[in-house]
């Protein structure tokens, strides 16, 4: 059985572009995977073998059943899903994936070092750290 923790202690403090305490999407645990849903977007982060994940995303009403590029079965592993008020994470061995309220995903190792992180550009809030005047 996979462990799911829910922490709703965060406070809504303002605008999502500059404040991570603003809920847009919803998080859930689905068969040991971390699921995120916002509007028409669906994201599923599944444990995939030892110390790895499979990330699926779709704008369809349901996540497609096809495996696409990952045709081989990965060994079963038990991930731990933790859902907080404005973010959620899944841990599988020595790797952790975190998805925030706007759907930005980052991956860290067991030392807390960032392995991969999505880049989000923000032109709406000039005080945000992701603000940019460039329209690229």
C-alpha atoms as a PDB file:
ATOM      1  CA  UNK A   1       0.000   0.000   0.000  1.00  0.00           C
ATOM      2  CA  UNK A   2       1.359   3.424  -0.928  1.00  0.00           C
ATOM      3  CA  UNK A   3       1.519   6.164   1.661  1.00  0.00           C
ATOM      4  CA  UNK A   4      -0.332   9.446   1.032  1.00  0.00           C
ATOM      5  CA  UNK A   5       0.084  12.448   3.317  1.00  0.00           C
ATOM      6  CA  UNK A   6      -2.031  15.601   3.040  1.00  0.00           C
ATOM      7  CA  UNK A   7      -0.926  18.912   4.600  1.00  0.00           C
ATOM      8  CA  UNK A   8      -3.392  21.798   4.292  1.00  0.00           C
ATOM      9  CA  UNK A   9      -1.622  24.240   6.607  1.00  0.00           C
ATOM     10  CA  UNK A  10      -0.689  26.784   3.883  1.00  0.00           C
ATOM     11  CA  UNK A  11      -2.344  30.190   3.575  1.00  0.00           C
ATOM     12  CA  UNK A  12      -3.633  31.807   0.396  1.00  0.00           C
ATOM     13  CA  UNK A  13      -1.610  35.017   0.191  1.00  0.00           C
ATOM     14  CA  UNK A  14      -2.189  36.415  -3.266  1.00  0.00           C
ATOM     15  CA  UNK A  15      -1.486  36.203  -6.939  1.00  0.00           C
ATOM     16  CA  UNK A  16      -0.189  32.894  -8.388  1.00  0.00           C
ATOM     17  CA  UNK A  17       2.395  34.582 -10.592  1.00  0.00           C
ATOM     18  CA  UNK A  18       4.438  35.845  -7.637  1.00  0.00           C
ATOM     19  CA  UNK A  19       3.085  33.736  -4.771  1.00  0.00           C
ATOM     20  CA  UNK A  20       3.230  29.955  -4.584  1.00  0.00           C
ATOM     21  CA  UNK A  21       0.384  29.901  -2.042  1.00  0.00           C
ATOM     22  CA  UNK A  22      -2.381  30.306  -4.600  1.00  0.00           C
ATOM     23  CA  UNK A  23      -4.222  27.146  -5.645  1.00  0.00           C
ATOM     24  CA  UNK A  24      -4.921  26.628  -9.352  1.00  0.00           C
ATOM     25  CA  UNK A  25      -4.781  22.888  -9.952  1.00  0.00           C
ATOM     26  CA  UNK A  26      -5.710  19.865  -7.888  1.00  0.00           C
ATOM     27  CA  UNK A  27      -3.537  16.984  -6.718  1.00  0.00           C
ATOM     28  CA  UNK A  28      -4.383  13.353  -6.033  1.00  0.00           C
ATOM     29  CA  UNK A  29      -2.811   9.923  -5.712  1.00  0.00           C
ATOM     30  CA  UNK A  30      -3.811   7.403  -8.402  1.00  0.00           C
ATOM     31  CA  UNK A  31      -2.556   3.819  -8.082  1.00  0.00           C
ATOM     32  CA  UNK A  32       0.727   4.890  -6.487  1.00  0.00           C
ATOM     33  CA  UNK A  33       1.279   7.809  -8.881  1.00  0.00           C
ATOM     34  CA  UNK A  34       1.013  11.558  -8.340  1.00  0.00           C
ATOM     35  CA  UNK A  35      -1.725  13.150 -10.453  1.00  0.00           C
ATOM     36  CA  UNK A  36      -2.183  16.862 -11.191  1.00  0.00           C
ATOM     37  CA  UNK A  37      -5.163  18.372 -12.949  1.00  0.00           C
ATOM     38  CA  UNK A  38      -5.803  21.930 -14.038  1.00  0.00           C
ATOM     39  CA  UNK A  39      -8.403  22.971 -16.589  1.00  0.00           C
ATOM     40  CA  UNK A  40      -7.812  20.657 -19.579  1.00  0.00           C
ATOM     41  CA  UNK A  41      -4.312  19.559 -18.507  1.00  0.00           C
ATOM     42  CA  UNK A  42      -3.601  16.202 -16.878  1.00  0.00           C
ATOM     43  CA  UNK A  43      -0.158  15.206 -15.556  1.00  0.00           C
ATOM     44  CA  UNK A  44       0.719  11.821 -14.076  1.00  0.00           C
ATOM     45  CA  UNK A  45       4.092  11.105 -12.425  1.00  0.00           C
ATOM     46  CA  UNK A  46       4.587   7.373 -11.846  1.00  0.00           C
ATOM     47  CA  UNK A  47       7.407   5.453 -10.125  1.00  0.00           C
ATOM     48  CA  UNK A  48       9.190   3.628 -12.953  1.00  0.00           C
ATOM     49  CA  UNK A  49      11.701   1.075 -11.789  1.00  0.00           C
ATOM     50  CA  UNK A  50      14.375   1.970  -9.249  1.00  0.00           C
ATOM     51  CA  UNK A  51      15.119   5.688  -8.691  1.00  0.00           C
ATOM     52  CA  UNK A  52      13.175   6.912 -11.726  1.00  0.00           C
ATOM     53  CA  UNK A  53       9.831   8.267 -12.903  1.00  0.00           C
ATOM     54  CA  UNK A  54       7.598   8.165 -15.937  1.00  0.00           C
ATOM     55  CA  UNK A  55       5.845  11.484 -16.618  1.00  0.00           C
ATOM     56  CA  UNK A  56       2.743  11.559 -18.801  1.00  0.00           C
ATOM     57  CA  UNK A  57       0.792  14.667 -19.782  1.00  0.00           C
ATOM     58  CA  UNK A  58      -2.365  15.090 -21.810  1.00  0.00           C
ATOM     59  CA  UNK A  59      -5.097  17.570 -22.634  1.00  0.00           C
ATOM     60  CA  UNK A  60      -7.581  14.753 -23.168  1.00  0.00           C
ATOM     61  CA  UNK A  61     -10.421  14.088 -20.720  1.00  0.00           C
ATOM     62  CA  UNK A  62      -8.666  10.861 -19.641  1.00  0.00           C
ATOM     63  CA  UNK A  63      -5.021   9.894 -19.681  1.00  0.00           C
ATOM     64  CA  UNK A  64      -4.381   7.652 -22.719  1.00  0.00           C
ATOM     65  CA  UNK A  65      -3.701   3.981 -21.947  1.00  0.00           C
ATOM     66  CA  UNK A  66      -0.903   3.685 -24.538  1.00  0.00           C
ATOM     67  CA  UNK A  67       2.648   3.452 -23.225  1.00  0.00           C
ATOM     68  CA  UNK A  68       4.138   5.230 -26.242  1.00  0.00           C
ATOM     69  CA  UNK A  69       7.947   5.204 -25.894  1.00  0.00           C
ATOM     70  CA  UNK A  70       8.116   3.146 -22.689  1.00  0.00           C
ATOM     71  CA  UNK A  71       7.068  -0.245 -23.991  1.00  0.00           C
ATOM     72  CA  UNK A  72       9.014  -2.374 -21.521  1.00  0.00           C
ATOM     73  CA  UNK A  73       7.709  -3.135 -18.063  1.00  0.00           C
ATOM     74  CA  UNK A  74       9.694  -1.502 -15.285  1.00  0.00           C
ATOM     75  CA  UNK A  75      10.216  -3.322 -12.028  1.00  0.00           C
ATOM     76  CA  UNK A  76       7.629  -2.507  -9.405  1.00  0.00           C
ATOM     77  CA  UNK A  77       8.644   0.097  -6.865  1.00  0.00           C
ATOM     78  CA  UNK A  78       6.777   1.784  -4.064  1.00  0.00           C
ATOM     79  CA  UNK A  79       6.633   5.528  -4.354  1.00  0.00           C
ATOM     80  CA  UNK A  80       5.479   7.818  -1.561  1.00  0.00           C
ATOM     81  CA  UNK A  81       3.042  10.589  -2.493  1.00  0.00           C
ATOM     82  CA  UNK A  82       2.777  13.681  -0.281  1.00  0.00           C
ATOM     83  CA  UNK A  83       0.067  16.238  -1.028  1.00  0.00           C
ATOM     84  CA  UNK A  84       0.282  19.707   0.482  1.00  0.00           C
ATOM     85  CA  UNK A  85      -2.062  22.663   0.126  1.00  0.00           C
ATOM     86  CA  UNK A  86      -0.270  24.254  -2.854  1.00  0.00           C
ATOM     87  CA  UNK A  87       2.146  21.567  -4.085  1.00  0.00           C
ATOM     88  CA  UNK A  88       2.648  17.809  -4.119  1.00  0.00           C
ATOM     89  CA  UNK A  89       5.582  15.457  -4.434  1.00  0.00           C
ATOM     90  CA  UNK A  90       6.380  11.840  -5.071  1.00  0.00           C
ATOM     91  CA  UNK A  91       9.523  10.051  -3.946  1.00  0.00           C
ATOM     92  CA  UNK A  92      10.878   6.876  -5.527  1.00  0.00           C
ATOM     93  CA  UNK A  93      14.115   5.655  -3.990  1.00  0.00           C
ATOM     94  CA  UNK A  94      16.727   8.411  -4.343  1.00  0.00           C
ATOM     95  CA  UNK A  95      14.693  10.732  -6.575  1.00  0.00           C
ATOM     96  CA  UNK A  96      11.856  13.141  -5.825  1.00  0.00           C
ATOM     97  CA  UNK A  97       9.490  14.930  -8.215  1.00  0.00           C
ATOM     98  CA  UNK A  98       7.615  18.013  -7.052  1.00  0.00           C
ATOM     99  CA  UNK A  99       4.778  19.751  -8.876  1.00  0.00           C
ATOM    100  CA  UNK A 100       3.558  23.143  -7.743  1.00  0.00           C
ATOM    101  CA  UNK A 101       0.218  24.915  -7.957  1.00  0.00           C
ATOM    102  CA  UNK A 102       0.705  26.022 -11.577  1.00  0.00           C
ATOM    103  CA  UNK A 103       1.969  22.627 -12.777  1.00  0.00           C
ATOM    104  CA  UNK A 104       5.717  23.360 -12.749  1.00  0.00           C
ATOM    105  CA  UNK A 105       7.682  20.137 -12.185  1.00  0.00           C
ATOM    106  CA  UNK A 106      11.126  19.820 -10.632  1.00  0.00           C
ATOM    107  CA  UNK A 107      13.245  16.759  -9.867  1.00  0.00           C
ATOM    108  CA  UNK A 108      15.755  16.485  -7.013  1.00  0.00           C
ATOM    109  CA  UNK A 109      18.025  13.742  -5.735  1.00  0.00           C
ATOM    110  CA  UNK A 110      18.220  12.440  -2.170  1.00  0.00           C
ATOM    111  CA  UNK A 111      20.749  15.186  -1.331  1.00  0.00           C
ATOM    112  CA  UNK A 112      18.245  17.898  -2.300  1.00  0.00           C
ATOM    113  CA  UNK A 113      20.191  18.871  -5.427  1.00  0.00           C
ATOM    114  CA  UNK A 114      18.069  19.958  -8.384  1.00  0.00           C
ATOM    115  CA  UNK A 115      18.453  17.558 -11.301  1.00  0.00           C
ATOM    116  CA  UNK A 116      15.895  19.097 -13.660  1.00  0.00           C
ATOM    117  CA  UNK A 117      13.429  21.952 -13.339  1.00  0.00           C
ATOM    118  CA  UNK A 118      10.909  23.427 -15.716  1.00  0.00           C
ATOM    119  CA  UNK A 119      11.379  27.069 -16.606  1.00  0.00           C
ATOM    120  CA  UNK A 120       8.341  29.311 -16.312  1.00  0.00           C
ATOM    121  CA  UNK A 121       8.520  32.807 -17.758  1.00  0.00           C
ATOM    122  CA  UNK A 122       6.314  35.451 -16.191  1.00  0.00           C
ATOM    123  CA  UNK A 123       5.476  38.742 -17.880  1.00  0.00           C
ATOM    124  CA  UNK A 124       2.469  39.649 -15.735  1.00  0.00           C
ATOM    125  CA  UNK A 125       4.168  40.418 -12.421  1.00  0.00           C
ATOM    126  CA  UNK A 126       7.238  42.642 -12.849  1.00  0.00           C
ATOM    127  CA  UNK A 127       8.368  41.900  -9.271  1.00  0.00           C
ATOM    128  CA  UNK A 128       8.441  38.107  -9.735  1.00  0.00           C
ATOM    129  CA  UNK A 129      11.815  36.378 -10.055  1.00  0.00           C
ATOM    130  CA  UNK A 130      10.673  34.909 -13.399  1.00  0.00           C
ATOM    131  CA  UNK A 131       9.688  38.272 -14.878  1.00  0.00           C
ATOM    132  CA  UNK A 132      10.924  39.016 -18.383  1.00  0.00           C
ATOM    133  CA  UNK A 133      10.286  41.825 -20.806  1.00  0.00           C
ATOM    134  CA  UNK A 134      11.145  39.558 -23.747  1.00  0.00           C
ATOM    135  CA  UNK A 135       8.273  37.980 -25.659  1.00  0.00           C
ATOM    136  CA  UNK A 136      10.014  34.722 -26.658  1.00  0.00           C
END
